[in-house]
C-alpha atoms as a PDB file:
ATOM      1  CA  MET A   1      20.229  16.105 -19.092  1.00  0.00           C
ATOM      2  CA  ARG A   2      16.637  17.203 -18.718  1.00  0.00           C
ATOM      3  CA  GLY A   3      17.329  20.921 -19.143  1.00  0.00           C
ATOM      4  CA  GLU A   4      15.131  22.626 -21.706  1.00  0.00           C
ATOM      5  CA  PHE A   5      17.929  24.803 -23.107  1.00  0.00           C
ATOM      6  CA  ASN A   6      21.048  22.970 -21.948  1.00  0.00           C
ATOM      7  CA  GLY A   7      22.264  19.411 -21.690  1.00  0.00           C
ATOM      8  CA  LEU A   8      22.127  16.331 -23.859  1.00  0.00           C
ATOM      9  CA  LYS A   9      18.400  16.531 -24.578  1.00  0.00           C
ATOM     10  CA  ASP A  10      18.622  19.976 -26.134  1.00  0.00           C
ATOM     11  CA  LEU A  11      21.695  19.093 -28.192  1.00  0.00           C
ATOM     12  CA  ILE A  12      19.969  16.042 -29.658  1.00  0.00           C
ATOM     13  CA  LEU A  13      16.789  17.983 -30.436  1.00  0.00           C
ATOM     14  CA  GLN A  14      18.860  20.564 -32.315  1.00  0.00           C
ATOM     15  CA  GLU A  15      20.028  17.793 -34.626  1.00  0.00           C
ATOM     16  CA  ASN A  16      16.705  15.963 -34.919  1.00  0.00           C
ATOM     17  CA  ASP A  17      13.439  17.540 -33.791  1.00  0.00           C
ATOM     18  CA  THR A  18      11.557  14.234 -34.143  1.00  0.00           C
ATOM     19  CA  VAL A  19      13.399  12.684 -31.223  1.00  0.00           C
ATOM     20  CA  PHE A  20      11.180  11.897 -28.245  1.00  0.00           C
ATOM     21  CA  TYR A  21      12.783  12.050 -24.824  1.00  0.00           C
ATOM     22  CA  VAL A  22      11.657   9.430 -22.302  1.00  0.00           C
ATOM     23  CA  HIS A  23      13.499   9.588 -19.001  1.00  0.00           C
ATOM     24  CA  CYS A  24      14.392   6.242 -17.412  1.00  0.00           C
ATOM     25  CA  PHE A  25      11.207   5.005 -15.703  1.00  0.00           C
ATOM     26  CA  VAL A  26      13.084   3.377 -12.842  1.00  0.00           C
ATOM     27  CA  HIS A  27      14.853   6.652 -12.118  1.00  0.00           C
ATOM     28  CA  GLN A  28      11.543   8.487 -12.369  1.00  0.00           C
ATOM     29  CA  LEU A  29      10.057   6.143  -9.781  1.00  0.00           C
ATOM     30  CA  GLN A  30      12.956   6.881  -7.464  1.00  0.00           C
ATOM     31  CA  LEU A  31      12.574  10.615  -8.017  1.00  0.00           C
ATOM     32  CA  VAL A  32       8.937  10.462  -6.905  1.00  0.00           C
ATOM     33  CA  VAL A  33      10.044   9.194  -3.507  1.00  0.00           C
ATOM     34  CA  VAL A  34      13.092  11.455  -3.269  1.00  0.00           C
ATOM     35  CA  ALA A  35      11.164  14.598  -4.198  1.00  0.00           C
ATOM     36  CA  VAL A  36       8.515  13.989  -1.544  1.00  0.00           C
ATOM     37  CA  ALA A  37      11.148  13.182   1.058  1.00  0.00           C
ATOM     38  CA  LYS A  38      12.876  16.496   0.393  1.00  0.00           C
ATOM     39  CA  LYS A  39       9.762  18.670   0.200  1.00  0.00           C
ATOM     40  CA  HIS A  40       8.028  17.525   3.395  1.00  0.00           C
ATOM     41  CA  ASP A  41       9.710  18.746   6.587  1.00  0.00           C
ATOM     42  CA  GLY A  42       8.418  15.856   8.686  1.00  0.00           C
ATOM     43  CA  VAL A  43       9.733  13.231   6.294  1.00  0.00           C
ATOM     44  CA  SER A  44      13.023  15.068   5.873  1.00  0.00           C
ATOM     45  CA  ASP A  45      13.508  15.102   9.652  1.00  0.00           C
ATOM     46  CA  PHE A  46      12.599  11.416   9.814  1.00  0.00           C
ATOM     47  CA  PHE A  47      15.274  10.442   7.304  1.00  0.00           C
ATOM     48  CA  GLU A  48      17.832  12.529   9.165  1.00  0.00           C
ATOM     49  CA  GLN A  49      17.109  10.408  12.226  1.00  0.00           C
ATOM     50  CA  ILE A  50      17.308   7.258  10.098  1.00  0.00           C
ATOM     51  CA  SER A  51      20.737   8.323   8.838  1.00  0.00           C
ATOM     52  CA  LEU A  52      21.933   8.526  12.422  1.00  0.00           C
ATOM     53  CA  VAL A  53      20.650   5.014  13.079  1.00  0.00           C
ATOM     54  CA  VAL A  54      22.343   3.745   9.899  1.00  0.00           C
ATOM     55  CA  ASN A  55      25.634   5.303  10.994  1.00  0.00           C
ATOM     56  CA  VAL A  56      25.420   3.412  14.266  1.00  0.00           C
ATOM     57  CA  VAL A  57      24.522   0.146  12.516  1.00  0.00           C
ATOM     58  CA  CYS A  58      27.291   0.502   9.933  1.00  0.00           C
ATOM     59  CA  ALA A  59      29.859   0.785  12.687  1.00  0.00           C
ATOM     60  CA  SER A  60      29.544  -3.009  12.859  1.00  0.00           C
ATOM     61  CA  CYS A  61      30.405  -4.995   9.714  1.00  0.00           C
ATOM     62  CA  LYS A  62      28.065  -7.798  10.740  1.00  0.00           C
ATOM     63  CA  ARG A  63      25.117  -5.435  11.300  1.00  0.00           C
ATOM     64  CA  LYS A  64      25.930  -3.608   8.063  1.00  0.00           C
ATOM     65  CA  ASP A  65      25.911  -6.811   6.006  1.00  0.00           C
ATOM     66  CA  LEU A  66      22.618  -7.857   7.589  1.00  0.00           C
ATOM     67  CA  LEU A  67      21.063  -4.474   6.806  1.00  0.00           C
ATOM     68  CA  ARG A  68      22.235  -4.646   3.191  1.00  0.00           C
ATOM     69  CA  GLU A  69      20.815  -8.140   2.745  1.00  0.00           C
ATOM     70  CA  LYS A  70      17.429  -7.071   4.092  1.00  0.00           C
ATOM     71  CA  ALA A  71      17.463  -4.048   1.780  1.00  0.00           C
ATOM     72  CA  ARG A  72      18.364  -6.231  -1.215  1.00  0.00           C
ATOM     73  CA  GLN A  73      15.471  -8.568  -0.471  1.00  0.00           C
ATOM     74  CA  ARG A  74      13.040  -5.651  -0.261  1.00  0.00           C
ATOM     75  CA  VAL A  75      14.296  -4.217  -3.555  1.00  0.00           C
ATOM     76  CA  GLN A  76      13.819  -7.570  -5.287  1.00  0.00           C
ATOM     77  CA  LYS A  77      10.200  -7.575  -4.151  1.00  0.00           C
ATOM     78  CA  GLY A  78       9.557  -4.145  -5.676  1.00  0.00           C
ATOM     79  CA  THR A  79       7.266  -5.268  -8.497  1.00  0.00           C
ATOM     80  CA  LEU A  80       6.897  -1.974 -10.342  1.00  0.00           C
ATOM     81  CA  SER A  81      10.589  -1.133 -10.159  1.00  0.00           C
ATOM     82  CA  THR A  82      11.513  -4.626 -11.393  1.00  0.00           C
ATOM     83  CA  LYS A  83       9.104  -4.479 -14.326  1.00  0.00           C
ATOM     84  CA  LEU A  84      10.352  -1.057 -15.376  1.00  0.00           C
ATOM     85  CA  GLN A  85      13.919  -2.374 -15.644  1.00  0.00           C
ATOM     86  CA  LYS A  86      12.978  -4.943 -18.282  1.00  0.00           C
ATOM     87  CA  LYS A  87      12.374  -4.548 -21.997  1.00  0.00           C
ATOM     88  CA  ASP A  88       9.733  -5.394 -24.584  1.00  0.00           C
ATOM     89  CA  LEU A  89       6.899  -7.485 -23.078  1.00  0.00           C
ATOM     90  CA  ASP A  90       7.801  -6.620 -19.488  1.00  0.00           C
ATOM     91  CA  ILE A  91       8.109  -2.909 -20.235  1.00  0.00           C
ATOM     92  CA  LEU A  92       4.580  -3.100 -21.632  1.00  0.00           C
ATOM     93  CA  LYS A  93       3.429  -4.600 -18.356  1.00  0.00           C
ATOM     94  CA  GLY A  94       5.427  -1.934 -16.581  1.00  0.00           C
ATOM     95  CA  THR A  95       3.734   0.919 -18.431  1.00  0.00           C
ATOM     96  CA  SER A  96       0.373  -0.698 -17.710  1.00  0.00           C
ATOM     97  CA  MET A  97       1.315  -0.857 -14.039  1.00  0.00           C
ATOM     98  CA  VAL A  98       2.326   2.807 -14.114  1.00  0.00           C
ATOM     99  CA  ARG A  99      -1.126   3.705 -15.420  1.00  0.00           C
ATOM    100  CA  GLY A 100      -2.817   1.352 -12.974  1.00  0.00           C
ATOM    101  CA  THR A 101      -0.981   2.629  -9.909  1.00  0.00           C
ATOM    102  CA  MET A 102      -2.795   5.950  -9.729  1.00  0.00           C
ATOM    103  CA  ASP A 103      -6.197   4.617  -8.641  1.00  0.00           C
ATOM    104  CA  PRO A 104      -4.834   2.308  -5.884  1.00  0.00           C
ATOM    105  CA  LEU A 105      -2.671   5.163  -4.638  1.00  0.00           C
ATOM    106  CA  GLN A 106      -5.716   7.416  -4.452  1.00  0.00           C
ATOM    107  CA  THR A 107      -7.632   4.684  -2.613  1.00  0.00           C
ATOM    108  CA  PHE A 108      -4.700   4.277  -0.237  1.00  0.00           C
ATOM    109  CA  ARG A 109      -4.869   8.001   0.416  1.00  0.00           C
ATOM    110  CA  ASP A 110      -8.526   7.740   1.413  1.00  0.00           C
ATOM    111  CA  THR A 111      -8.435   4.548   3.493  1.00  0.00           C
ATOM    112  CA  GLY A 112      -4.783   3.686   4.076  1.00  0.00           C
ATOM    113  CA  PHE A 113      -4.284   5.379   7.429  1.00  0.00           C
ATOM    114  CA  ALA A 114      -7.039   3.354   9.080  1.00  0.00           C
ATOM    115  CA  SER A 115      -5.582   0.129   7.695  1.00  0.00           C
ATOM    116  CA  ILE A 116      -1.982   0.699   8.806  1.00  0.00           C
ATOM    117  CA  LEU A 117      -2.746   2.174  12.237  1.00  0.00           C
ATOM    118  CA  PRO A 118      -3.428  -1.255  13.865  1.00  0.00           C
ATOM    119  CA  LYS A 119      -0.157  -2.563  12.411  1.00  0.00           C
ATOM    120  CA  VAL A 120       1.773   0.368  13.843  1.00  0.00           C
ATOM    121  CA  SER A 121       0.133  -0.123  17.237  1.00  0.00           C
ATOM    122  CA  SER A 122       0.957  -3.833  17.163  1.00  0.00           C
ATOM    123  CA  PHE A 123       4.602  -3.076  16.346  1.00  0.00           C
ATOM    124  CA  PHE A 124       4.804  -0.613  19.228  1.00  0.00           C
ATOM    125  CA  GLN A 125       3.340  -3.113  21.666  1.00  0.00           C
ATOM    126  CA  THR A 126       5.657  -5.892  20.505  1.00  0.00           C
ATOM    127  CA  HIS A 127       8.708  -3.740  21.111  1.00  0.00           C
ATOM    128  CA  ASN A 128       7.417  -2.056  24.287  1.00  0.00           C
ATOM    129  CA  ILE A 129       7.224   1.394  22.717  1.00  0.00           C
ATOM    130  CA  ALA A 130       4.842   3.940  24.226  1.00  0.00           C
ATOM    131  CA  THR A 131       1.844   4.574  21.965  1.00  0.00           C
ATOM    132  CA  LEU A 132      -0.144   7.750  21.432  1.00  0.00           C
ATOM    133  CA  GLU A 133      -3.887   7.983  21.866  1.00  0.00           C
ATOM    134  CA  MET A 134      -5.304   9.289  18.619  1.00  0.00           C
ATOM    135  CA  HIS A 135      -8.017  11.337  20.347  1.00  0.00           C
ATOM    136  CA  ASP A 136      -5.515  13.154  22.598  1.00  0.00           C
ATOM    137  CA  PHE A 137      -4.284  16.593  21.634  1.00  0.00           C
ATOM    138  CA  TYR A 138      -1.096  16.654  19.591  1.00  0.00           C
ATOM    139  CA  ILE A 139       2.002  17.957  21.356  1.00  0.00           C
ATOM    140  CA  GLY A 140       4.032  20.046  18.952  1.00  0.00           C
ATOM    141  CA  ALA A 141       7.330  21.908  19.018  1.00  0.00           C
ATOM    142  CA  ARG A 142       8.782  22.869  22.393  1.00  0.00           C
ATOM    143  CA  ASN A 143       6.428  20.391  24.026  1.00  0.00           C
ATOM    144  CA  ARG A 144       3.412  22.669  23.537  1.00  0.00           C
ATOM    145  CA  THR A 145      -0.069  21.149  23.451  1.00  0.00           C
ATOM    146  CA  THR A 146      -2.028  22.135  20.347  1.00  0.00           C
ATOM    147  CA  THR A 147      -5.768  22.310  19.660  1.00  0.00           C
ATOM    148  CA  LYS A 148      -5.709  19.455  17.134  1.00  0.00           C
ATOM    149  CA  THR A 149      -5.800  15.773  17.949  1.00  0.00           C
ATOM    150  CA  ASN A 150      -3.070  13.292  17.142  1.00  0.00           C
ATOM    151  CA  ARG A 151      -5.392  11.753  14.565  1.00  0.00           C
ATOM    152  CA  ILE A 152      -5.814  15.035  12.704  1.00  0.00           C
ATOM    153  CA  HIS A 153      -2.075  15.687  12.752  1.00  0.00           C
ATOM    154  CA  PHE A 154      -0.823  12.261  11.710  1.00  0.00           C
ATOM    155  CA  GLU A 155      -3.597  11.415   9.265  1.00  0.00           C
ATOM    156  CA  GLY A 156      -4.379  14.826   7.786  1.00  0.00           C
ATOM    157  CA  GLU A 157      -1.118  16.723   8.000  1.00  0.00           C
ATOM    158  CA  ILE A 158       1.312  13.848   7.536  1.00  0.00           C
ATOM    159  CA  PHE A 159      -0.232  10.806   5.843  1.00  0.00           C
ATOM    160  CA  ASN A 160      -2.730  12.459   3.480  1.00  0.00           C
ATOM    161  CA  THR A 161      -0.352  15.288   2.624  1.00  0.00           C
ATOM    162  CA  LEU A 162       2.422  12.841   1.752  1.00  0.00           C
ATOM    163  CA  VAL A 163       0.217  10.721  -0.492  1.00  0.00           C
ATOM    164  CA  ASP A 164      -1.108  13.873  -2.205  1.00  0.00           C
ATOM    165  CA  MET A 165       2.480  14.939  -2.863  1.00  0.00           C
ATOM    166  CA  GLN A 166       3.279  11.492  -4.243  1.00  0.00           C
ATOM    167  CA  LEU A 167       0.288  11.616  -6.568  1.00  0.00           C
ATOM    168  CA  THR A 168       1.355  15.032  -7.837  1.00  0.00           C
ATOM    169  CA  GLU A 169       4.936  13.891  -8.432  1.00  0.00           C
ATOM    170  CA  TYR A 170       3.732  10.665 -10.013  1.00  0.00           C
ATOM    171  CA  ARG A 171       1.595  12.505 -12.556  1.00  0.00           C
ATOM    172  CA  TYR A 172       4.485  14.841 -13.340  1.00  0.00           C
ATOM    173  CA  ARG A 173       7.161  12.169 -13.652  1.00  0.00           C
ATOM    174  CA  PHE A 174       5.116   9.642 -15.635  1.00  0.00           C
ATOM    175  CA  SER A 175       3.542  11.728 -18.374  1.00  0.00           C
ATOM    176  CA  GLU A 176       0.904  10.359 -20.721  1.00  0.00           C
ATOM    177  CA  THR A 177       3.219  10.973 -23.676  1.00  0.00           C
ATOM    178  CA  SER A 178       6.036   8.858 -22.251  1.00  0.00           C
ATOM    179  CA  THR A 179       3.904   5.838 -21.377  1.00  0.00           C
ATOM    180  CA  GLN A 180       1.982   6.027 -24.636  1.00  0.00           C
ATOM    181  CA  LEU A 181       5.179   6.170 -26.685  1.00  0.00           C
ATOM    182  CA  LEU A 182       6.501   3.032 -25.006  1.00  0.00           C
ATOM    183  CA  GLU A 183       3.206   1.252 -25.668  1.00  0.00           C
ATOM    184  CA  TYR A 184       3.524   2.116 -29.355  1.00  0.00           C
ATOM    185  CA  MET A 185       7.065   0.740 -29.439  1.00  0.00           C
ATOM    186  CA  GLY A 186       6.076  -2.446 -27.651  1.00  0.00           C
ATOM    187  CA  ALA A 187       3.460  -3.221 -30.291  1.00  0.00           C
ATOM    188  CA  LEU A 188       6.196  -4.747 -32.477  1.00  0.00           C
ATOM    189  CA  SER A 189       7.570  -6.963 -29.699  1.00  0.00           C
ATOM    190  CA  PRO A 190       8.001 -10.565 -30.940  1.00  0.00           C
ATOM    191  CA  CYS A 191       7.738 -11.982 -27.401  1.00  0.00           C
ATOM    192  CA  ASP A 192       5.169 -14.764 -26.943  1.00  0.00           C
ATOM    193  CA  SER A 193       4.591 -15.067 -30.684  1.00  0.00           C
ATOM    194  CA  PHE A 194       3.861 -11.347 -31.194  1.00  0.00           C
ATOM    195  CA  SER A 195       1.099 -11.409 -28.581  1.00  0.00           C
ATOM    196  CA  GLN A 196       1.277  -7.628 -28.197  1.00  0.00           C
ATOM    197  CA  PHE A 197       1.255  -6.866 -31.928  1.00  0.00           C
ATOM    198  CA  ASP A 198      -0.960  -3.887 -32.736  1.00  0.00           C
ATOM    199  CA  LYS A 199      -0.904  -2.430 -36.218  1.00  0.00           C
ATOM    200  CA  SER A 200      -2.774   0.745 -35.272  1.00  0.00           C
ATOM    201  CA  LYS A 201      -0.210   1.623 -32.562  1.00  0.00           C
ATOM    202  CA  LEU A 202       2.689   1.031 -34.940  1.00  0.00           C
ATOM    203  CA  LEU A 203       1.110   3.311 -37.522  1.00  0.00           C
ATOM    204  CA  LYS A 204       0.720   6.000 -34.863  1.00  0.00           C
ATOM    205  CA  LEU A 205       4.369   5.532 -33.964  1.00  0.00           C
ATOM    206  CA  ALA A 206       5.422   5.867 -37.602  1.00  0.00           C
ATOM    207  CA  LYS A 207       3.562   9.178 -37.872  1.00  0.00           C
ATOM    208  CA  LEU A 208       5.796  10.552 -35.136  1.00  0.00           C
ATOM    209  CA  TYR A 209       8.851   9.956 -37.355  1.00  0.00           C
ATOM    210  CA  LYS A 210       7.832  12.474 -39.981  1.00  0.00           C
ATOM    211  CA  TYR A 211      11.213  12.424 -41.749  1.00  0.00           C
ATOM    212  CA  ASP A 212      11.238   8.628 -42.066  1.00  0.00           C
ATOM    213  CA  PHE A 213       7.626   8.003 -43.107  1.00  0.00           C
ATOM    214  CA  ASP A 214       5.635  10.191 -45.497  1.00  0.00           C
ATOM    215  CA  ASP A 215       1.945   9.709 -46.331  1.00  0.00           C
ATOM    216  CA  SER A 216       2.729   7.207 -49.075  1.00  0.00           C
ATOM    217  CA  ASP A 217       4.988   5.225 -46.731  1.00  0.00           C
ATOM    218  CA  LEU A 218       2.243   5.036 -44.110  1.00  0.00           C
ATOM    219  CA  ILE A 219      -0.115   3.444 -46.637  1.00  0.00           C
ATOM    220  CA  ASP A 220       2.538   0.919 -47.671  1.00  0.00           C
ATOM    221  CA  LEU A 221       3.519   0.287 -44.024  1.00  0.00           C
ATOM    222  CA  GLU A 222      -0.018  -0.734 -43.127  1.00  0.00           C
ATOM    223  CA  GLY A 223       0.002  -3.425 -45.800  1.00  0.00           C
ATOM    224  CA  GLN A 224       3.508  -4.606 -44.946  1.00  0.00           C
ATOM    225  CA  LEU A 225       2.673  -4.886 -41.241  1.00  0.00           C
ATOM    226  CA  GLU A 226      -0.357  -7.038 -41.967  1.00  0.00           C
ATOM    227  CA  ILE A 227       1.524  -9.471 -44.224  1.00  0.00           C
ATOM    228  CA  PHE A 228       4.623  -9.492 -42.012  1.00  0.00           C
ATOM    229  CA  TYR A 229       2.621 -10.362 -38.902  1.00  0.00           C
ATOM    230  CA  HIS A 230       0.783 -13.309 -40.457  1.00  0.00           C
ATOM    231  CA  SER A 231       3.936 -14.706 -42.061  1.00  0.00           C
ATOM    232  CA  SER A 232       6.014 -14.340 -38.886  1.00  0.00           C
ATOM    233  CA  ILE A 233       3.628 -16.049 -36.464  1.00  0.00           C
ATOM    234  CA  LYS A 234       3.783 -19.119 -38.706  1.00  0.00           C
ATOM    235  CA  ASP A 235       7.599 -19.088 -38.806  1.00  0.00           C
ATOM    236  CA  GLU A 236       9.162 -20.853 -35.791  1.00  0.00           C
ATOM    237  CA  ARG A 237      12.322 -18.797 -36.146  1.00  0.00           C
ATOM    238  CA  PHE A 238      10.349 -15.657 -35.267  1.00  0.00           C
ATOM    239  CA  THR A 239       8.126 -17.011 -32.495  1.00  0.00           C
ATOM    240  CA  THR A 240      10.899 -17.573 -29.947  1.00  0.00           C
ATOM    241  CA  LEU A 241      12.536 -14.147 -30.098  1.00  0.00           C
ATOM    242  CA  LYS A 242      13.016 -12.148 -26.893  1.00  0.00           C
ATOM    243  CA  GLY A 243      13.169  -8.585 -28.145  1.00  0.00           C
ATOM    244  CA  ILE A 244      12.870  -6.141 -31.027  1.00  0.00           C
ATOM    245  CA  SER A 245      16.643  -5.986 -31.495  1.00  0.00           C
ATOM    246  CA  GLU A 246      16.656  -9.773 -32.042  1.00  0.00           C
ATOM    247  CA  LEU A 247      13.783  -9.331 -34.485  1.00  0.00           C
ATOM    248  CA  SER A 248      15.744  -6.778 -36.520  1.00  0.00           C
ATOM    249  CA  ARG A 249      18.809  -9.032 -36.708  1.00  0.00           C
ATOM    250  CA  LEU A 250      16.742 -12.038 -37.778  1.00  0.00           C
ATOM    251  CA  MET A 251      14.996  -9.979 -40.460  1.00  0.00           C
ATOM    252  CA  VAL A 252      18.405  -9.177 -41.930  1.00  0.00           C
ATOM    253  CA  SER A 253      19.700 -12.764 -41.743  1.00  0.00           C
ATOM    254  CA  THR A 254      16.535 -14.128 -43.411  1.00  0.00           C
ATOM    255  CA  GLY A 255      16.256 -11.360 -45.998  1.00  0.00           C
ATOM    256  CA  LYS A 256      12.893 -10.135 -44.686  1.00  0.00           C
ATOM    257  CA  HIS A 257      14.305  -6.646 -44.294  1.00  0.00           C
ATOM    258  CA  ARG A 258      14.155  -6.441 -48.089  1.00  0.00           C
ATOM    259  CA  SER A 259      10.635  -7.898 -48.321  1.00  0.00           C
ATOM    260  CA  TYR A 260       9.304  -5.612 -45.572  1.00  0.00           C
ATOM    261  CA  PRO A 261      11.598  -2.565 -45.648  1.00  0.00           C
ATOM    262  CA  LEU A 262       9.203  -0.247 -43.818  1.00  0.00           C
ATOM    263  CA  VAL A 263       8.605  -2.770 -41.047  1.00  0.00           C
ATOM    264  CA  PHE A 264      12.361  -3.118 -40.705  1.00  0.00           C
ATOM    265  CA  LYS A 265      12.743   0.669 -40.655  1.00  0.00           C
ATOM    266  CA  ILE A 266      10.288   1.158 -37.812  1.00  0.00           C
ATOM    267  CA  GLY A 267      11.900  -1.726 -35.929  1.00  0.00           C
ATOM    268  CA  PHE A 268      15.284  -0.075 -36.417  1.00  0.00           C
ATOM    269  CA  ASP A 269      13.897   3.245 -35.167  1.00  0.00           C
ATOM    270  CA  ILE A 270      12.561   1.527 -32.043  1.00  0.00           C
ATOM    271  CA  THR A 271      15.859  -0.277 -31.405  1.00  0.00           C
ATOM    272  CA  ARG A 272      17.789   2.953 -31.893  1.00  0.00           C
ATOM    273  CA  SER A 273      15.478   4.756 -29.451  1.00  0.00           C
ATOM    274  CA  ASN A 274      16.316   2.260 -26.709  1.00  0.00           C
ATOM    275  CA  TYR A 275      19.981   3.278 -26.635  1.00  0.00           C
END
């Protein structure tokens, strides 16, 4: 679907060149992890070993059910993934989290190894697993001793390299255009009494739909947005809505789609973009 010259994206763009393609953020988040796992030999080998362990565990129905339950609990705790699966107000928080993840990830790259090393050592001791001395020389393939220490290998060649790869994939998968477009769309969200309403973002969004809004429409839209916002926050019917699709339906049932046709049009464009 993401092909530049083939697939659904290209077919749609042939019909309408104003369409903006935003790949599912949850899938993008998964692809960041998958891409790194495939590109790094050490991680790829690790998951091959994990697959062997899973095969052994799944031989028992009881162990398999226990493993699935633990995995489900971990998935439910995945804050960013959970936020990205929701719409309107939560998707705004999700896009904010996407932007805000880069700096912590960079910090984790710089200081994370030192913070997790004691936890790894504690786990090894608890389960009577032999631990490596970080200042000893690393033993590589065919049991050959190298000239680099375990610390250099595991921190520099494994940990830092992996986080660098994640940062690169993250920047590629979550482009500025995609997150910005979703922020523009969320500016019309009626959640929490239109708490995220932003006229300037909605005007920027309208400019992207060049066939729907000409220069004259943009001038009229600015005025309609201002009046619509102030009238809606005083109307109890509009302050309890949960999404833009609900907003569009209520505008029709109350006749406001005729009073604010350009506001309704941009709301319809947003709703249509979500499907």
